[in-house]
Amino acid sequence: GAPSGGVPSGAPAGVAAAAGATGGLDGKKIAIEGFGPTGPALAAAAADQGARIVAVSTTKGAMMDEGGLDAAELRSAWAASGEAMVGDDADPAWKVFGAEADVLFTGSKTGAINHETAARLAATAVVPHAALPFTARALAVMERADVTVVPDFVALAAPAVGSWPGDATDADAVIAKATGAIQAAIEETSDHADGAFLGACYRAEAFLGTWRESLPFGRPLAS
């Protein structure tokens, strides 16, 4: 779906976040945990930037291919079979977390990555494609392992930016504004001493402090 400004709610914005976190996706390997309705668009947008899709998972299992899964074939498989697109001989869904990838997109459910799963990750960056996909303990484990962790409120910010398009008058301009804002936020916070996640939280809280007397309790993490 898309908000009033015309920005898709999932895919291109998540890819923009991943590109900002990794210095661009050309030649990078990606895995998509929780491949769902926005999965085809996410895969296509990543492939358009030169990424190689090495693993995807649904609730029915995982497909893994170091040589790369074709984005167009993934779209067709999803349209034809939905969650069963992985086939009857699929690997267990949890194997996607161990895929050797530069970026793991995650978001099958709240808390999809807990501290035990985080310890098994092979990806070097984790980017949400849905809200609250990792726990506070998982974040601590990932940061100790030097995994770049993008917060969901940055990766999924396109609808919010698109709701106030400013001078952007068509869909392409709104998308460009949204992806630019997301990448700028990531570039500003990625080298923060407390990690990219908390750096982005501090940035957001500073903004909230300009118009709120008090901040919301806690940080955007699953329990």
N, C-alpha and C. Protein backbone atom coordinates (compact mmCIF):
# COMPACT_ATOMS: atom_id res chain seq x y z
N GLY A 1 0.83 -1.19 0.00
CA GLY A 1 0.00 0.00 0.00
C GLY A 1 0.87 1.24 0.00
N ALA A 2 0.24 2.42 -0.14
CA ALA A 2 0.96 3.68 -0.16
C ALA A 2 0.18 4.72 0.60
N PRO A 3 0.84 5.63 1.29
CA PRO A 3 0.18 6.71 1.96
C PRO A 3 -0.25 7.75 0.96
N SER A 4 -0.84 8.83 1.45
CA SER A 4 -1.37 9.86 0.57
C SER A 4 -0.30 10.50 -0.29
N GLY A 5 0.93 10.52 0.18
CA GLY A 5 2.00 11.11 -0.59
C GLY A 5 2.53 10.22 -1.69
N GLY A 6 2.10 8.96 -1.73
CA GLY A 6 2.48 8.07 -2.82
C GLY A 6 3.69 7.21 -2.55
N VAL A 7 4.18 7.17 -1.31
CA VAL A 7 5.38 6.38 -1.00
C VAL A 7 4.98 5.00 -0.55
N PRO A 8 5.46 3.95 -1.20
CA PRO A 8 5.16 2.60 -0.75
C PRO A 8 5.58 2.40 0.69
N SER A 9 4.77 1.66 1.45
CA SER A 9 5.01 1.56 2.89
C SER A 9 6.16 0.63 3.24
N GLY A 10 6.60 -0.25 2.34
CA GLY A 10 7.62 -1.19 2.71
C GLY A 10 8.89 -1.12 1.91
N ALA A 11 8.84 -1.52 0.66
CA ALA A 11 10.04 -1.95 -0.04
C ALA A 11 11.08 -0.89 -0.35
N PRO A 12 10.82 0.11 -1.21
CA PRO A 12 11.93 1.00 -1.59
C PRO A 12 12.56 1.71 -0.40
N ALA A 13 11.75 2.07 0.59
CA ALA A 13 12.31 2.75 1.76
C ALA A 13 13.25 1.84 2.53
N GLY A 14 12.87 0.56 2.69
CA GLY A 14 13.75 -0.37 3.37
C GLY A 14 15.06 -0.56 2.62
N VAL A 15 14.98 -0.57 1.30
CA VAL A 15 16.19 -0.69 0.49
C VAL A 15 17.04 0.56 0.63
N ALA A 16 16.41 1.73 0.71
CA ALA A 16 17.15 2.97 0.92
C ALA A 16 17.90 2.92 2.25
N ALA A 17 17.24 2.38 3.28
CA ALA A 17 17.88 2.26 4.59
C ALA A 17 19.07 1.31 4.52
N ALA A 18 18.89 0.19 3.82
CA ALA A 18 19.98 -0.78 3.70
C ALA A 18 21.15 -0.18 2.93
N ALA A 19 20.85 0.55 1.87
CA ALA A 19 21.91 1.18 1.08
C ALA A 19 22.67 2.20 1.91
N GLY A 20 21.95 2.98 2.71
CA GLY A 20 22.60 3.96 3.57
C GLY A 20 23.48 3.32 4.62
N ALA A 21 23.04 2.16 5.13
CA ALA A 21 23.78 1.49 6.19
C ALA A 21 25.01 0.75 5.70
N THR A 22 25.03 0.42 4.41
CA THR A 22 26.13 -0.41 3.89
C THR A 22 26.95 0.27 2.81
N GLY A 23 26.65 1.54 2.52
CA GLY A 23 27.40 2.24 1.49
C GLY A 23 26.98 1.86 0.08
N GLY A 24 25.73 1.43 -0.08
CA GLY A 24 25.23 1.03 -1.39
C GLY A 24 25.09 -0.47 -1.50
N LEU A 25 24.11 -0.93 -2.29
CA LEU A 25 23.81 -2.36 -2.36
C LEU A 25 24.42 -3.06 -3.58
N ASP A 26 25.08 -2.33 -4.44
CA ASP A 26 25.64 -2.96 -5.63
C ASP A 26 26.65 -4.04 -5.22
N GLY A 27 26.39 -5.27 -5.65
CA GLY A 27 27.28 -6.38 -5.33
C GLY A 27 27.06 -6.98 -3.95
N LYS A 28 26.13 -6.43 -3.17
CA LYS A 28 25.90 -6.94 -1.81
C LYS A 28 24.93 -8.13 -1.85
N LYS A 29 25.09 -9.01 -0.86
CA LYS A 29 24.20 -10.16 -0.71
C LYS A 29 23.14 -9.83 0.34
N ILE A 30 21.89 -10.15 0.01
CA ILE A 30 20.82 -9.86 0.97
C ILE A 30 19.99 -11.11 1.24
N ALA A 31 19.41 -11.15 2.43
CA ALA A 31 18.46 -12.19 2.82
C ALA A 31 17.19 -11.49 3.31
N ILE A 32 16.05 -12.08 3.02
CA ILE A 32 14.77 -11.49 3.42
C ILE A 32 14.04 -12.48 4.31
N GLU A 33 14.00 -12.18 5.60
CA GLU A 33 13.25 -12.99 6.57
C GLU A 33 11.82 -12.47 6.62
N GLY A 34 10.86 -13.39 6.56
CA GLY A 34 9.47 -12.96 6.59
C GLY A 34 9.01 -12.39 5.27
N PHE A 35 9.36 -13.07 4.17
CA PHE A 35 8.93 -12.65 2.83
C PHE A 35 7.42 -12.73 2.78
N GLY A 36 6.76 -11.56 2.57
CA GLY A 36 5.32 -11.49 2.57
C GLY A 36 4.81 -10.62 1.44
N PRO A 37 3.68 -9.94 1.64
CA PRO A 37 3.10 -9.15 0.56
C PRO A 37 4.02 -8.07 -0.01
N THR A 38 4.88 -7.47 0.81
CA THR A 38 5.82 -6.48 0.29
C THR A 38 7.13 -7.10 -0.17
N GLY A 39 7.27 -8.41 0.02
CA GLY A 39 8.51 -9.09 -0.35
C GLY A 39 8.90 -8.94 -1.81
N PRO A 40 7.96 -9.12 -2.75
CA PRO A 40 8.34 -8.98 -4.16
C PRO A 40 8.89 -7.60 -4.49
N ALA A 41 8.27 -6.55 -3.96
CA ALA A 41 8.75 -5.20 -4.22
C ALA A 41 10.10 -4.96 -3.56
N LEU A 42 10.29 -5.50 -2.35
CA LEU A 42 11.57 -5.38 -1.65
C LEU A 42 12.68 -6.06 -2.45
N ALA A 43 12.41 -7.28 -2.91
CA ALA A 43 13.41 -8.01 -3.68
C ALA A 43 13.74 -7.29 -4.99
N ALA A 44 12.71 -6.79 -5.66
CA ALA A 44 12.93 -6.10 -6.94
C ALA A 44 13.73 -4.82 -6.75
N ALA A 45 13.40 -4.06 -5.69
CA ALA A 45 14.12 -2.80 -5.45
C ALA A 45 15.58 -3.06 -5.11
N ALA A 46 15.84 -4.11 -4.34
CA ALA A 46 17.23 -4.45 -4.01
C ALA A 46 17.98 -4.92 -5.25
N ALA A 47 17.34 -5.76 -6.06
CA ALA A 47 17.98 -6.25 -7.28
C ALA A 47 18.27 -5.10 -8.24
N ASP A 48 17.37 -4.13 -8.29
CA ASP A 48 17.58 -2.97 -9.17
C ASP A 48 18.83 -2.19 -8.79
N GLN A 49 19.22 -2.28 -7.51
CA GLN A 49 20.43 -1.60 -7.06
C GLN A 49 21.67 -2.50 -7.11
N GLY A 50 21.52 -3.65 -7.72
CA GLY A 50 22.67 -4.53 -7.91
C GLY A 50 22.88 -5.56 -6.83
N ALA A 51 21.92 -5.70 -5.90
CA ALA A 51 22.07 -6.69 -4.83
C ALA A 51 21.76 -8.09 -5.34
N ARG A 52 22.34 -9.08 -4.66
CA ARG A 52 22.06 -10.49 -4.96
C ARG A 52 21.26 -11.08 -3.81
N ILE A 53 20.10 -11.64 -4.11
CA ILE A 53 19.21 -12.20 -3.09
C ILE A 53 19.62 -13.65 -2.85
N VAL A 54 20.19 -13.93 -1.69
CA VAL A 54 20.74 -15.27 -1.44
C VAL A 54 19.84 -16.14 -0.58
N ALA A 55 18.82 -15.55 0.06
CA ALA A 55 17.92 -16.34 0.90
C ALA A 55 16.64 -15.58 1.15
N VAL A 56 15.53 -16.31 1.20
CA VAL A 56 14.25 -15.74 1.63
C VAL A 56 13.56 -16.78 2.49
N SER A 57 12.72 -16.32 3.40
CA SER A 57 11.94 -17.25 4.20
C SER A 57 10.50 -16.77 4.32
N THR A 58 9.59 -17.73 4.40
CA THR A 58 8.19 -17.47 4.73
C THR A 58 7.86 -18.34 5.94
N THR A 59 6.61 -18.36 6.34
CA THR A 59 6.22 -19.22 7.46
C THR A 59 6.35 -20.70 7.10
N LYS A 60 6.47 -21.00 5.81
CA LYS A 60 6.53 -22.39 5.36
C LYS A 60 7.95 -22.92 5.19
N GLY A 61 8.94 -22.05 5.29
CA GLY A 61 10.31 -22.51 5.14
C GLY A 61 11.19 -21.47 4.48
N ALA A 62 12.39 -21.88 4.09
CA ALA A 62 13.37 -20.96 3.52
C ALA A 62 13.92 -21.52 2.21
N MET A 63 14.25 -20.61 1.30
CA MET A 63 14.98 -20.93 0.08
C MET A 63 16.34 -20.26 0.16
N MET A 64 17.39 -21.00 -0.16
CA MET A 64 18.75 -20.48 -0.09
C MET A 64 19.45 -20.76 -1.41
N ASP A 65 20.14 -19.77 -1.94
CA ASP A 65 20.89 -19.96 -3.18
C ASP A 65 22.01 -18.93 -3.22
N GLU A 66 23.24 -19.38 -2.97
CA GLU A 66 24.39 -18.48 -2.97
C GLU A 66 24.56 -17.80 -4.32
N GLY A 67 24.12 -18.47 -5.40
CA GLY A 67 24.23 -17.87 -6.72
C GLY A 67 23.23 -16.77 -6.98
N GLY A 68 22.18 -16.69 -6.15
CA GLY A 68 21.20 -15.63 -6.28
C GLY A 68 19.84 -16.12 -6.73
N LEU A 69 18.79 -15.63 -6.08
CA LEU A 69 17.41 -15.90 -6.44
C LEU A 69 16.91 -14.75 -7.31
N ASP A 70 16.23 -15.07 -8.40
CA ASP A 70 15.77 -14.06 -9.33
C ASP A 70 14.55 -13.33 -8.77
N ALA A 71 14.59 -12.00 -8.74
CA ALA A 71 13.50 -11.21 -8.16
C ALA A 71 12.19 -11.41 -8.91
N ALA A 72 12.24 -11.49 -10.24
CA ALA A 72 11.03 -11.69 -11.02
C ALA A 72 10.42 -13.06 -10.74
N GLU A 73 11.26 -14.07 -10.57
CA GLU A 73 10.75 -15.40 -10.25
C GLU A 73 10.15 -15.44 -8.85
N LEU A 74 10.75 -14.70 -7.92
CA LEU A 74 10.18 -14.62 -6.58
C LEU A 74 8.80 -13.96 -6.62
N ARG A 75 8.65 -12.92 -7.41
CA ARG A 75 7.36 -12.26 -7.53
C ARG A 75 6.30 -13.22 -8.09
N SER A 76 6.68 -13.96 -9.13
CA SER A 76 5.74 -14.92 -9.73
C SER A 76 5.38 -16.03 -8.75
N ALA A 77 6.38 -16.52 -8.01
CA ALA A 77 6.14 -17.59 -7.06
C ALA A 77 5.22 -17.13 -5.93
N TRP A 78 5.42 -15.89 -5.47
CA TRP A 78 4.55 -15.37 -4.43
C TRP A 78 3.12 -15.22 -4.94
N ALA A 79 2.97 -14.69 -6.16
CA ALA A 79 1.64 -14.50 -6.73
C ALA A 79 0.92 -15.83 -6.90
N ALA A 80 1.66 -16.87 -7.23
CA ALA A 80 1.05 -18.17 -7.48
C ALA A 80 0.77 -18.96 -6.21
N SER A 81 1.68 -18.86 -5.21
CA SER A 81 1.60 -19.78 -4.07
C SER A 81 1.63 -19.12 -2.71
N GLY A 82 1.89 -17.82 -2.63
CA GLY A 82 1.96 -17.16 -1.33
C GLY A 82 3.03 -17.77 -0.45
N GLU A 83 2.71 -18.01 0.82
CA GLU A 83 3.70 -18.53 1.77
C GLU A 83 4.29 -19.87 1.34
N ALA A 84 3.55 -20.62 0.53
CA ALA A 84 4.03 -21.93 0.08
C ALA A 84 5.01 -21.83 -1.08
N MET A 85 5.40 -20.62 -1.47
CA MET A 85 6.29 -20.42 -2.61
C MET A 85 7.63 -21.13 -2.45
N VAL A 86 8.03 -21.43 -1.21
CA VAL A 86 9.33 -22.05 -0.97
C VAL A 86 9.37 -23.52 -1.38
N GLY A 87 8.20 -24.14 -1.57
CA GLY A 87 8.15 -25.52 -2.02
C GLY A 87 8.15 -26.52 -0.88
N ASP A 88 7.81 -27.75 -1.23
CA ASP A 88 7.69 -28.80 -0.21
C ASP A 88 9.03 -29.24 0.37
N ASP A 89 10.12 -29.03 -0.36
CA ASP A 89 11.43 -29.47 0.11
C ASP A 89 12.26 -28.32 0.68
N ALA A 90 11.57 -27.29 1.15
CA ALA A 90 12.26 -26.10 1.66
C ALA A 90 13.04 -26.41 2.93
N ASP A 91 14.09 -25.61 3.16
CA ASP A 91 14.80 -25.65 4.44
C ASP A 91 13.90 -25.08 5.53
N PRO A 92 14.18 -25.37 6.80
CA PRO A 92 13.43 -24.73 7.89
C PRO A 92 13.57 -23.21 7.81
N ALA A 93 12.51 -22.51 8.17
CA ALA A 93 12.49 -21.04 8.03
C ALA A 93 13.63 -20.38 8.81
N TRP A 94 14.01 -20.95 9.96
CA TRP A 94 15.02 -20.32 10.81
C TRP A 94 16.40 -20.26 10.14
N LYS A 95 16.60 -21.07 9.11
CA LYS A 95 17.92 -21.08 8.47
C LYS A 95 18.26 -19.75 7.81
N VAL A 96 17.25 -18.95 7.50
CA VAL A 96 17.53 -17.66 6.86
C VAL A 96 18.40 -16.79 7.75
N PHE A 97 18.29 -16.96 9.07
CA PHE A 97 19.07 -16.14 9.99
C PHE A 97 20.57 -16.44 9.90
N GLY A 98 20.91 -17.62 9.42
CA GLY A 98 22.32 -17.97 9.28
C GLY A 98 22.88 -17.73 7.90
N ALA A 99 22.08 -17.13 7.02
CA ALA A 99 22.54 -16.89 5.65
C ALA A 99 23.72 -15.92 5.65
N GLU A 100 24.74 -16.24 4.87
CA GLU A 100 25.90 -15.36 4.73
C GLU A 100 25.48 -14.19 3.86
N ALA A 101 25.19 -13.06 4.47
CA ALA A 101 24.64 -11.92 3.75
C ALA A 101 25.21 -10.62 4.31
N ASP A 102 25.22 -9.61 3.46
CA ASP A 102 25.60 -8.28 3.93
C ASP A 102 24.44 -7.62 4.66
N VAL A 103 23.21 -7.92 4.23
CA VAL A 103 22.03 -7.34 4.85
C VAL A 103 20.98 -8.41 5.08
N LEU A 104 20.43 -8.45 6.27
CA LEU A 104 19.26 -9.26 6.57
C LEU A 104 18.09 -8.33 6.78
N PHE A 105 17.09 -8.41 5.90
CA PHE A 105 15.83 -7.72 6.12
C PHE A 105 14.97 -8.62 6.99
N THR A 106 14.38 -8.07 8.04
CA THR A 106 13.62 -8.89 8.97
C THR A 106 12.32 -8.21 9.37
N GLY A 107 11.30 -9.01 9.67
CA GLY A 107 10.03 -8.41 10.05
C GLY A 107 8.85 -9.36 10.00
N SER A 108 9.10 -10.66 10.14
CA SER A 108 8.00 -11.62 10.08
C SER A 108 7.02 -11.42 11.23
N LYS A 109 7.52 -10.97 12.38
CA LYS A 109 6.68 -10.75 13.54
C LYS A 109 7.43 -9.89 14.54
N THR A 110 6.73 -9.39 15.53
CA THR A 110 7.37 -8.66 16.62
C THR A 110 8.35 -9.59 17.35
N GLY A 111 9.58 -9.12 17.53
CA GLY A 111 10.57 -9.93 18.22
C GLY A 111 11.05 -11.13 17.43
N ALA A 112 11.02 -11.04 16.11
CA ALA A 112 11.48 -12.17 15.29
C ALA A 112 12.92 -12.55 15.62
N ILE A 113 13.73 -11.57 15.99
CA ILE A 113 15.11 -11.83 16.40
C ILE A 113 15.22 -11.62 17.91
N ASN A 114 15.43 -12.71 18.64
CA ASN A 114 15.70 -12.59 20.07
C ASN A 114 17.20 -12.75 20.30
N HIS A 115 17.62 -12.77 21.54
CA HIS A 115 19.06 -12.79 21.80
C HIS A 115 19.72 -14.08 21.32
N GLU A 116 18.99 -15.20 21.36
CA GLU A 116 19.57 -16.45 20.90
C GLU A 116 19.72 -16.44 19.37
N THR A 117 18.71 -15.96 18.70
CA THR A 117 18.78 -15.86 17.24
C THR A 117 19.87 -14.88 16.84
N ALA A 118 19.97 -13.76 17.55
CA ALA A 118 20.97 -12.74 17.23
C ALA A 118 22.38 -13.31 17.29
N ALA A 119 22.61 -14.24 18.20
CA ALA A 119 23.94 -14.83 18.34
C ALA A 119 24.31 -15.71 17.15
N ARG A 120 23.30 -16.13 16.37
CA ARG A 120 23.57 -17.01 15.22
C ARG A 120 23.61 -16.25 13.90
N LEU A 121 23.36 -14.95 13.91
CA LEU A 121 23.31 -14.19 12.67
C LEU A 121 24.66 -14.18 11.96
N ALA A 122 24.60 -14.31 10.63
CA ALA A 122 25.81 -14.18 9.82
C ALA A 122 25.83 -12.86 9.07
N ALA A 123 24.72 -12.14 9.04
CA ALA A 123 24.65 -10.87 8.32
C ALA A 123 25.43 -9.79 9.07
N THR A 124 25.89 -8.80 8.31
CA THR A 124 26.64 -7.70 8.92
C THR A 124 25.78 -6.46 9.15
N ALA A 125 24.55 -6.46 8.61
CA ALA A 125 23.61 -5.37 8.86
C ALA A 125 22.21 -5.95 8.93
N VAL A 126 21.39 -5.40 9.81
CA VAL A 126 20.01 -5.84 9.98
C VAL A 126 19.09 -4.65 9.77
N VAL A 127 18.12 -4.81 8.86
CA VAL A 127 17.22 -3.73 8.49
C VAL A 127 15.78 -4.22 8.60
N PRO A 128 14.93 -3.57 9.40
CA PRO A 128 13.54 -3.99 9.51
C PRO A 128 12.74 -3.70 8.24
N HIS A 129 11.81 -4.60 7.92
CA HIS A 129 10.80 -4.28 6.92
C HIS A 129 9.41 -4.28 7.53
N ALA A 130 9.35 -4.43 8.85
CA ALA A 130 8.11 -4.31 9.62
C ALA A 130 8.50 -3.88 11.03
N ALA A 131 7.51 -3.52 11.82
CA ALA A 131 7.78 -2.90 13.12
C ALA A 131 8.31 -3.89 14.16
N LEU A 132 9.22 -3.39 15.00
CA LEU A 132 9.72 -4.07 16.20
C LEU A 132 10.17 -5.51 15.97
N PRO A 133 11.08 -5.75 15.03
CA PRO A 133 11.45 -7.13 14.74
C PRO A 133 12.54 -7.71 15.64
N PHE A 134 13.10 -6.91 16.56
CA PHE A 134 14.11 -7.48 17.44
C PHE A 134 13.94 -6.94 18.86
N THR A 135 14.43 -7.73 19.81
CA THR A 135 14.29 -7.39 21.23
C THR A 135 15.47 -6.56 21.70
N ALA A 136 15.33 -6.02 22.91
CA ALA A 136 16.41 -5.24 23.50
C ALA A 136 17.66 -6.10 23.71
N ARG A 137 17.46 -7.33 24.17
CA ARG A 137 18.61 -8.21 24.38
C ARG A 137 19.26 -8.59 23.05
N ALA A 138 18.45 -8.76 22.01
CA ALA A 138 18.99 -9.05 20.69
C ALA A 138 19.83 -7.88 20.19
N LEU A 139 19.35 -6.66 20.41
CA LEU A 139 20.11 -5.49 20.01
C LEU A 139 21.49 -5.48 20.68
N ALA A 140 21.53 -5.78 21.97
CA ALA A 140 22.81 -5.80 22.69
C ALA A 140 23.75 -6.84 22.10
N VAL A 141 23.23 -8.01 21.78
CA VAL A 141 24.05 -9.08 21.20
C VAL A 141 24.58 -8.65 19.83
N MET A 142 23.72 -8.07 19.00
CA MET A 142 24.13 -7.66 17.66
C MET A 142 25.18 -6.55 17.72
N GLU A 143 24.99 -5.61 18.61
CA GLU A 143 25.96 -4.51 18.70
C GLU A 143 27.31 -5.00 19.20
N ARG A 144 27.32 -5.97 20.10
CA ARG A 144 28.60 -6.54 20.55
C ARG A 144 29.33 -7.24 19.41
N ALA A 145 28.56 -7.75 18.46
CA ALA A 145 29.14 -8.44 17.30
C ALA A 145 29.42 -7.48 16.15
N ASP A 146 29.27 -6.17 16.39
CA ASP A 146 29.52 -5.15 15.36
C ASP A 146 28.58 -5.26 14.17
N VAL A 147 27.36 -5.76 14.41
CA VAL A 147 26.33 -5.76 13.37
C VAL A 147 25.69 -4.36 13.35
N THR A 148 25.57 -3.78 12.16
CA THR A 148 24.89 -2.49 12.02
C THR A 148 23.39 -2.73 12.12
N VAL A 149 22.74 -2.08 13.06
CA VAL A 149 21.31 -2.30 13.30
C VAL A 149 20.55 -1.01 13.02
N VAL A 150 19.68 -1.04 12.02
CA VAL A 150 18.87 0.12 11.66
C VAL A 150 17.55 0.04 12.41
N PRO A 151 17.13 1.09 13.09
CA PRO A 151 15.85 1.05 13.80
C PRO A 151 14.67 1.10 12.84
N ASP A 152 13.56 0.51 13.26
CA ASP A 152 12.39 0.44 12.38
C ASP A 152 11.84 1.82 12.03
N PHE A 153 11.92 2.78 12.97
CA PHE A 153 11.33 4.08 12.69
C PHE A 153 12.11 4.87 11.63
N VAL A 154 13.33 4.44 11.33
CA VAL A 154 14.07 5.02 10.22
C VAL A 154 13.79 4.24 8.93
N ALA A 155 13.93 2.91 9.00
CA ALA A 155 13.74 2.09 7.80
C ALA A 155 12.33 2.22 7.24
N LEU A 156 11.35 2.46 8.11
CA LEU A 156 9.95 2.50 7.69
C LEU A 156 9.38 3.92 7.69
N ALA A 157 10.25 4.90 7.55
CA ALA A 157 9.82 6.29 7.69
C ALA A 157 9.18 6.89 6.44
N ALA A 158 9.20 6.18 5.33
CA ALA A 158 8.72 6.76 4.08
C ALA A 158 7.28 7.27 4.14
N PRO A 159 6.34 6.53 4.74
CA PRO A 159 4.98 7.06 4.81
C PRO A 159 4.88 8.38 5.58
N ALA A 160 5.66 8.49 6.66
CA ALA A 160 5.63 9.74 7.43
C ALA A 160 6.17 10.90 6.61
N VAL A 161 7.28 10.67 5.91
CA VAL A 161 7.84 11.73 5.07
C VAL A 161 6.88 12.05 3.94
N GLY A 162 6.28 11.02 3.35
CA GLY A 162 5.36 11.23 2.24
C GLY A 162 4.08 11.95 2.62
N SER A 163 3.74 11.91 3.90
CA SER A 163 2.53 12.61 4.34
C SER A 163 2.71 14.12 4.37
N TRP A 164 3.97 14.57 4.38
CA TRP A 164 4.28 16.01 4.31
C TRP A 164 5.24 16.22 3.14
N PRO A 165 4.75 16.14 1.91
CA PRO A 165 5.65 16.12 0.74
C PRO A 165 6.29 17.46 0.42
N GLY A 166 5.81 18.56 1.00
CA GLY A 166 6.43 19.85 0.72
C GLY A 166 6.32 20.21 -0.75
N ASP A 167 7.46 20.50 -1.36
CA ASP A 167 7.48 20.90 -2.77
C ASP A 167 7.40 19.72 -3.73
N ALA A 168 7.46 18.51 -3.22
CA ALA A 168 7.39 17.33 -4.09
C ALA A 168 5.94 17.15 -4.55
N THR A 169 5.73 17.17 -5.86
CA THR A 169 4.37 17.19 -6.39
C THR A 169 3.96 15.91 -7.11
N ASP A 170 4.89 15.00 -7.37
CA ASP A 170 4.52 13.74 -8.01
C ASP A 170 5.14 12.58 -7.23
N ALA A 171 4.73 11.35 -7.57
CA ALA A 171 5.14 10.19 -6.80
C ALA A 171 6.65 10.01 -6.80
N ASP A 172 7.29 10.19 -7.96
CA ASP A 172 8.75 10.01 -8.03
C ASP A 172 9.48 11.00 -7.13
N ALA A 173 8.98 12.25 -7.11
CA ALA A 173 9.62 13.26 -6.27
C ALA A 173 9.42 12.96 -4.79
N VAL A 174 8.23 12.49 -4.43
CA VAL A 174 7.97 12.14 -3.03
C VAL A 174 8.84 10.97 -2.59
N ILE A 175 8.95 9.96 -3.46
CA ILE A 175 9.80 8.81 -3.14
C ILE A 175 11.25 9.24 -2.98
N ALA A 176 11.71 10.11 -3.88
CA ALA A 176 13.09 10.60 -3.79
C ALA A 176 13.32 11.36 -2.49
N LYS A 177 12.33 12.17 -2.10
CA LYS A 177 12.46 12.92 -0.85
C LYS A 177 12.51 11.97 0.34
N ALA A 178 11.65 10.95 0.33
CA ALA A 178 11.60 10.01 1.45
C ALA A 178 12.88 9.20 1.55
N THR A 179 13.34 8.66 0.44
CA THR A 179 14.56 7.85 0.49
C THR A 179 15.77 8.71 0.85
N GLY A 180 15.79 9.95 0.37
CA GLY A 180 16.88 10.85 0.73
C GLY A 180 16.91 11.16 2.21
N ALA A 181 15.72 11.38 2.79
CA ALA A 181 15.64 11.66 4.22
C ALA A 181 16.09 10.46 5.05
N ILE A 182 15.71 9.27 4.62
CA ILE A 182 16.10 8.06 5.34
C ILE A 182 17.62 7.87 5.29
N GLN A 183 18.19 8.01 4.11
CA GLN A 183 19.63 7.83 3.99
C GLN A 183 20.40 8.90 4.74
N ALA A 184 19.89 10.12 4.75
CA ALA A 184 20.56 11.19 5.49
C ALA A 184 20.56 10.88 6.99
N ALA A 185 19.44 10.38 7.50
CA ALA A 185 19.35 10.04 8.92
C ALA A 185 20.34 8.94 9.28
N ILE A 186 20.46 7.95 8.41
CA ILE A 186 21.39 6.84 8.67
C ILE A 186 22.84 7.31 8.61
N GLU A 187 23.15 8.11 7.59
CA GLU A 187 24.53 8.60 7.46
C GLU A 187 24.93 9.47 8.65
N GLU A 188 23.97 10.20 9.20
CA GLU A 188 24.25 11.08 10.33
C GLU A 188 24.51 10.31 11.61
N THR A 189 23.90 9.11 11.72
CA THR A 189 23.95 8.39 13.00
C THR A 189 24.74 7.09 12.95
N SER A 190 25.18 6.66 11.77
CA SER A 190 25.78 5.33 11.65
C SER A 190 27.09 5.18 12.42
N ASP A 191 27.83 6.27 12.61
CA ASP A 191 29.11 6.18 13.31
C ASP A 191 29.02 6.65 14.76
N HIS A 192 27.80 6.70 15.30
CA HIS A 192 27.65 7.17 16.67
C HIS A 192 28.38 6.24 17.65
N ALA A 193 28.95 6.81 18.68
CA ALA A 193 29.72 6.03 19.64
C ALA A 193 28.88 4.97 20.33
N ASP A 194 27.58 5.20 20.46
CA ASP A 194 26.69 4.24 21.11
C ASP A 194 25.99 3.32 20.11
N GLY A 195 26.41 3.35 18.86
CA GLY A 195 25.82 2.49 17.84
C GLY A 195 24.77 3.23 17.02
N ALA A 196 24.52 2.69 15.82
CA ALA A 196 23.60 3.33 14.89
C ALA A 196 22.18 3.39 15.46
N PHE A 197 21.76 2.35 16.16
CA PHE A 197 20.39 2.32 16.69
C PHE A 197 20.17 3.44 17.70
N LEU A 198 21.02 3.49 18.73
CA LEU A 198 20.84 4.53 19.74
C LEU A 198 21.13 5.91 19.17
N GLY A 199 22.07 5.99 18.23
CA GLY A 199 22.32 7.28 17.59
C GLY A 199 21.08 7.83 16.93
N ALA A 200 20.33 6.96 16.25
CA ALA A 200 19.09 7.37 15.61
C ALA A 200 18.03 7.72 16.66
N CYS A 201 18.01 6.98 17.76
CA CYS A 201 17.06 7.30 18.84
C CYS A 201 17.35 8.69 19.42
N TYR A 202 18.63 8.98 19.67
CA TYR A 202 18.98 10.30 20.21
C TYR A 202 18.56 11.41 19.24
N ARG A 203 18.76 11.16 17.95
CA ARG A 203 18.39 12.16 16.93
C ARG A 203 16.88 12.38 16.95
N ALA A 204 16.12 11.29 17.01
CA ALA A 204 14.66 11.39 17.03
C ALA A 204 14.18 12.07 18.31
N GLU A 205 14.81 11.74 19.43
CA GLU A 205 14.38 12.32 20.70
C GLU A 205 14.70 13.81 20.76
N ALA A 206 15.79 14.22 20.14
CA ALA A 206 16.11 15.65 20.08
C ALA A 206 15.04 16.39 19.29
N PHE A 207 14.57 15.78 18.20
CA PHE A 207 13.50 16.40 17.42
C PHE A 207 12.20 16.45 18.22
N LEU A 208 11.86 15.34 18.87
CA LEU A 208 10.63 15.32 19.67
C LEU A 208 10.67 16.39 20.76
N GLY A 209 11.88 16.63 21.30
CA GLY A 209 12.03 17.62 22.35
C GLY A 209 11.77 19.04 21.92
N THR A 210 11.73 19.27 20.60
CA THR A 210 11.45 20.63 20.11
C THR A 210 9.97 20.97 20.18
N TRP A 211 9.11 19.95 20.36
CA TRP A 211 7.67 20.26 20.41
C TRP A 211 6.91 19.47 21.46
N ARG A 212 7.61 18.68 22.26
CA ARG A 212 6.98 17.97 23.38
C ARG A 212 7.69 18.31 24.68
N GLU A 213 6.93 18.40 25.75
CA GLU A 213 7.53 18.66 27.06
C GLU A 213 8.14 17.40 27.65
N SER A 214 7.64 16.24 27.27
CA SER A 214 8.19 14.98 27.76
C SER A 214 8.26 13.99 26.61
N LEU A 215 9.17 13.02 26.73
CA LEU A 215 9.37 12.03 25.69
C LEU A 215 8.58 10.76 25.99
N PRO A 216 8.19 10.00 24.97
CA PRO A 216 7.55 8.71 25.21
C PRO A 216 8.49 7.80 25.99
N PHE A 217 7.91 6.90 26.76
CA PHE A 217 8.72 5.99 27.58
C PHE A 217 9.37 4.93 26.70
N GLY A 218 10.63 4.66 26.96
CA GLY A 218 11.32 3.54 26.35
C GLY A 218 11.78 3.79 24.93
N ARG A 219 12.30 2.74 24.33
CA ARG A 219 12.81 2.78 22.97
C ARG A 219 12.04 1.76 22.13
N PRO A 220 12.03 1.89 20.80
CA PRO A 220 11.22 1.02 19.95
C PRO A 220 11.84 -0.38 19.79
N LEU A 221 11.66 -1.20 20.82
CA LEU A 221 12.21 -2.55 20.83
C LEU A 221 11.15 -3.51 21.35
N ALA A 222 11.16 -4.74 20.83
CA ALA A 222 10.24 -5.75 21.31
C ALA A 222 10.66 -6.20 22.72
N SER A 223 9.71 -6.66 23.49
CA SER A 223 10.00 -7.11 24.86
C SER A 223 10.47 -8.55 24.86
